[in-house]
Amino acid sequence: MKKITDFDEFLKQLEDALDNIMQEIDEADIPENMPVNINISINLFPVMIPGDGDICAQKYPKTPVDILETDEKVHAIIGIPGMELKNVKLAGSGRLLEIIADNPEKSVIDSIELPARVNKTGMKAALKNGILEIVFNKSRRYSDR
């Protein structure tokens, strides 16, 4: 019976944490049509990992992204204000672009699905005024289909 009580307490803590998150979102000045990502991590092994095992919730704003596709190229335009190109890491495979950007004030970690398979070779990236533009060549395999 004690396990059920412990689990019931866990569910109550989780419900309270989610209620607090929703209240913070309601109080924040976030437009209704803007997506809000919520990441919840739970420390199940407080002996192995430093911490007291409390439920921790943190929300991350969604990175603004526009994707433009032509017959031969895919352009990804991404808003990452306050970042420098030297602090941006890009990884891609097939139709997925992963961005990791970091500075002392914030971090951006995001995965973006591209509309077509792209080649990493020949990729060009430029960052100006907080706007990262990445231009990919489409994969030849994609254009043959």
Protein backbone atom coordinates (compact mmCIF):
# COMPACT_ATOMS: atom_id res chain seq x y z
CA MET A 1 0.00 0.00 0.00
CA LYS A 2 2.86 2.41 0.61
CA LYS A 3 3.84 2.38 -3.09
CA ILE A 4 0.35 3.49 -4.07
CA THR A 5 0.53 6.34 -1.56
CA ASP A 6 3.98 7.37 -2.88
CA PHE A 7 2.71 7.25 -6.45
CA ASP A 8 -0.40 9.23 -5.51
CA GLU A 9 1.87 11.87 -3.94
CA PHE A 10 3.99 11.92 -7.10
CA LEU A 11 0.89 12.45 -9.26
CA LYS A 12 -0.26 15.27 -6.99
CA GLN A 13 3.16 16.98 -7.24
CA LEU A 14 3.10 16.58 -11.02
CA GLU A 15 -0.41 18.02 -11.24
CA ASP A 16 0.59 20.98 -9.04
CA ALA A 17 3.67 21.62 -11.18
CA LEU A 18 1.61 21.59 -14.37
CA ASP A 19 -0.95 23.93 -12.82
CA ASN A 20 1.86 26.34 -11.90
CA ILE A 21 3.25 26.19 -15.44
CA MET A 22 -0.15 26.92 -16.96
CA GLN A 23 -0.63 29.83 -14.55
CA GLU A 24 2.79 31.26 -15.54
CA ILE A 25 1.90 30.92 -19.22
CA ASP A 26 -1.43 32.68 -18.64
CA GLU A 27 0.32 35.52 -16.78
CA ALA A 28 3.07 35.88 -19.41
CA ASP A 29 2.53 38.17 -22.37
CA ILE A 30 2.56 35.37 -24.96
CA PRO A 31 0.31 35.66 -28.02
CA GLU A 32 -2.32 32.93 -28.17
CA ASN A 33 -1.15 31.58 -31.53
CA MET A 34 2.50 31.26 -30.41
CA PRO A 35 3.48 27.69 -29.48
CA VAL A 36 4.97 27.09 -26.04
CA ASN A 37 7.16 24.05 -25.46
CA ILE A 38 7.22 22.63 -21.95
CA ASN A 39 10.02 20.30 -20.90
CA ILE A 40 9.55 18.43 -17.63
CA SER A 41 12.34 16.43 -16.04
CA ILE A 42 11.85 14.26 -13.00
CA ASN A 43 14.76 13.13 -10.84
CA LEU A 44 13.90 9.51 -10.04
CA PHE A 45 17.29 8.69 -8.52
CA PRO A 46 18.17 11.46 -6.05
CA VAL A 47 20.96 9.31 -4.58
CA MET A 48 22.74 8.98 -7.93
CA ILE A 49 22.14 12.48 -9.26
CA PRO A 50 22.58 15.62 -7.13
CA GLY A 51 19.23 17.12 -6.18
CA ASP A 52 16.33 16.52 -3.92
CA GLY A 53 14.07 14.65 -6.36
CA ASP A 54 11.54 17.44 -6.76
CA ILE A 55 9.70 17.89 -10.01
CA CYS A 56 11.40 20.52 -12.13
CA ALA A 57 9.68 22.18 -15.08
CA GLN A 58 11.12 24.70 -17.49
CA LYS A 59 9.60 26.20 -20.62
CA TYR A 60 11.52 27.07 -23.75
CA PRO A 61 10.25 29.42 -26.44
CA LYS A 62 9.94 27.95 -29.92
CA THR A 63 12.65 29.11 -32.30
CA PRO A 64 11.12 31.10 -35.20
CA VAL A 65 11.84 29.33 -38.49
CA ASP A 66 10.92 29.93 -42.14
CA ILE A 67 11.75 27.38 -44.81
CA LEU A 68 11.87 28.31 -48.49
CA GLU A 69 12.27 25.67 -51.19
CA THR A 70 13.27 26.13 -54.82
CA ASP A 71 13.89 23.50 -57.51
CA GLU A 72 17.55 23.15 -56.50
CA LYS A 73 17.91 24.61 -52.99
CA VAL A 74 16.40 24.70 -49.51
CA HIS A 75 16.74 27.95 -47.50
CA ALA A 76 16.26 27.86 -43.72
CA ILE A 77 15.82 31.27 -42.07
CA ILE A 78 16.03 31.06 -38.28
CA GLY A 79 15.72 33.74 -35.61
CA ILE A 80 18.44 33.41 -32.97
CA PRO A 81 18.96 36.94 -31.59
CA GLY A 82 22.06 37.66 -29.55
CA MET A 83 24.09 34.80 -31.06
CA GLU A 84 27.34 34.89 -33.01
CA LEU A 85 28.08 32.50 -35.86
CA LYS A 86 31.12 31.12 -34.01
CA ASN A 87 28.76 29.94 -31.22
CA VAL A 88 26.37 28.14 -33.59
CA LYS A 89 26.74 24.43 -34.37
CA LEU A 90 24.79 22.91 -37.24
CA ALA A 91 24.25 19.23 -37.93
CA GLY A 92 22.13 17.75 -40.63
CA SER A 93 21.23 14.43 -42.11
CA GLY A 94 18.78 13.90 -44.89
CA ARG A 95 15.72 15.96 -44.03
CA LEU A 96 16.66 17.05 -40.50
CA LEU A 97 18.60 20.14 -39.42
CA GLU A 98 19.80 20.39 -35.83
CA ILE A 99 20.87 23.74 -34.36
CA ILE A 100 22.78 24.29 -31.13
CA ALA A 101 23.62 27.89 -30.26
CA ASP A 102 24.93 29.11 -26.93
CA ASN A 103 25.93 32.38 -25.31
CA PRO A 104 26.09 33.48 -21.64
CA GLU A 105 22.45 34.66 -21.66
CA LYS A 106 20.70 31.75 -23.37
CA SER A 107 20.89 28.50 -25.28
CA VAL A 108 19.03 27.38 -28.37
CA ILE A 109 18.63 23.70 -29.16
CA ASP A 110 16.24 22.84 -31.95
CA SER A 111 15.57 20.27 -34.66
CA ILE A 112 13.95 21.39 -37.88
CA GLU A 113 12.40 19.08 -40.46
CA LEU A 114 13.30 20.14 -43.98
CA PRO A 115 10.92 19.69 -46.94
CA ALA A 116 13.51 17.77 -49.01
CA ARG A 117 16.68 15.73 -48.60
CA VAL A 118 19.71 18.04 -48.66
CA ASN A 119 23.48 17.74 -49.04
CA LYS A 120 25.72 19.01 -46.26
CA THR A 121 28.47 19.67 -48.80
CA GLY A 122 28.07 23.11 -50.26
CA MET A 123 25.98 24.30 -47.32
CA LYS A 124 26.32 28.05 -46.69
CA ALA A 125 25.43 29.78 -43.42
CA ALA A 126 25.33 33.48 -42.59
CA LEU A 127 24.21 35.26 -39.42
CA LYS A 128 23.25 38.93 -39.46
CA ASN A 129 21.16 40.90 -36.95
CA GLY A 130 20.04 37.74 -35.18
CA ILE A 131 18.82 36.04 -38.37
CA LEU A 132 20.61 32.83 -39.36
CA GLU A 133 20.24 31.90 -43.03
CA ILE A 134 21.34 28.46 -44.16
CA VAL A 135 21.29 27.47 -47.83
CA PHE A 136 21.44 23.79 -48.78
CA ASN A 137 21.68 22.12 -52.17
CA LYS A 138 18.99 19.51 -52.63
CA SER A 139 20.20 15.93 -52.77
CA ARG A 140 20.44 14.50 -56.28
CA ARG A 141 18.68 11.40 -55.03
CA TYR A 142 15.71 13.60 -54.12
CA SER A 143 15.55 15.27 -57.52
CA ASP A 144 15.68 11.89 -59.31
CA ARG A 145 12.46 10.73 -57.59
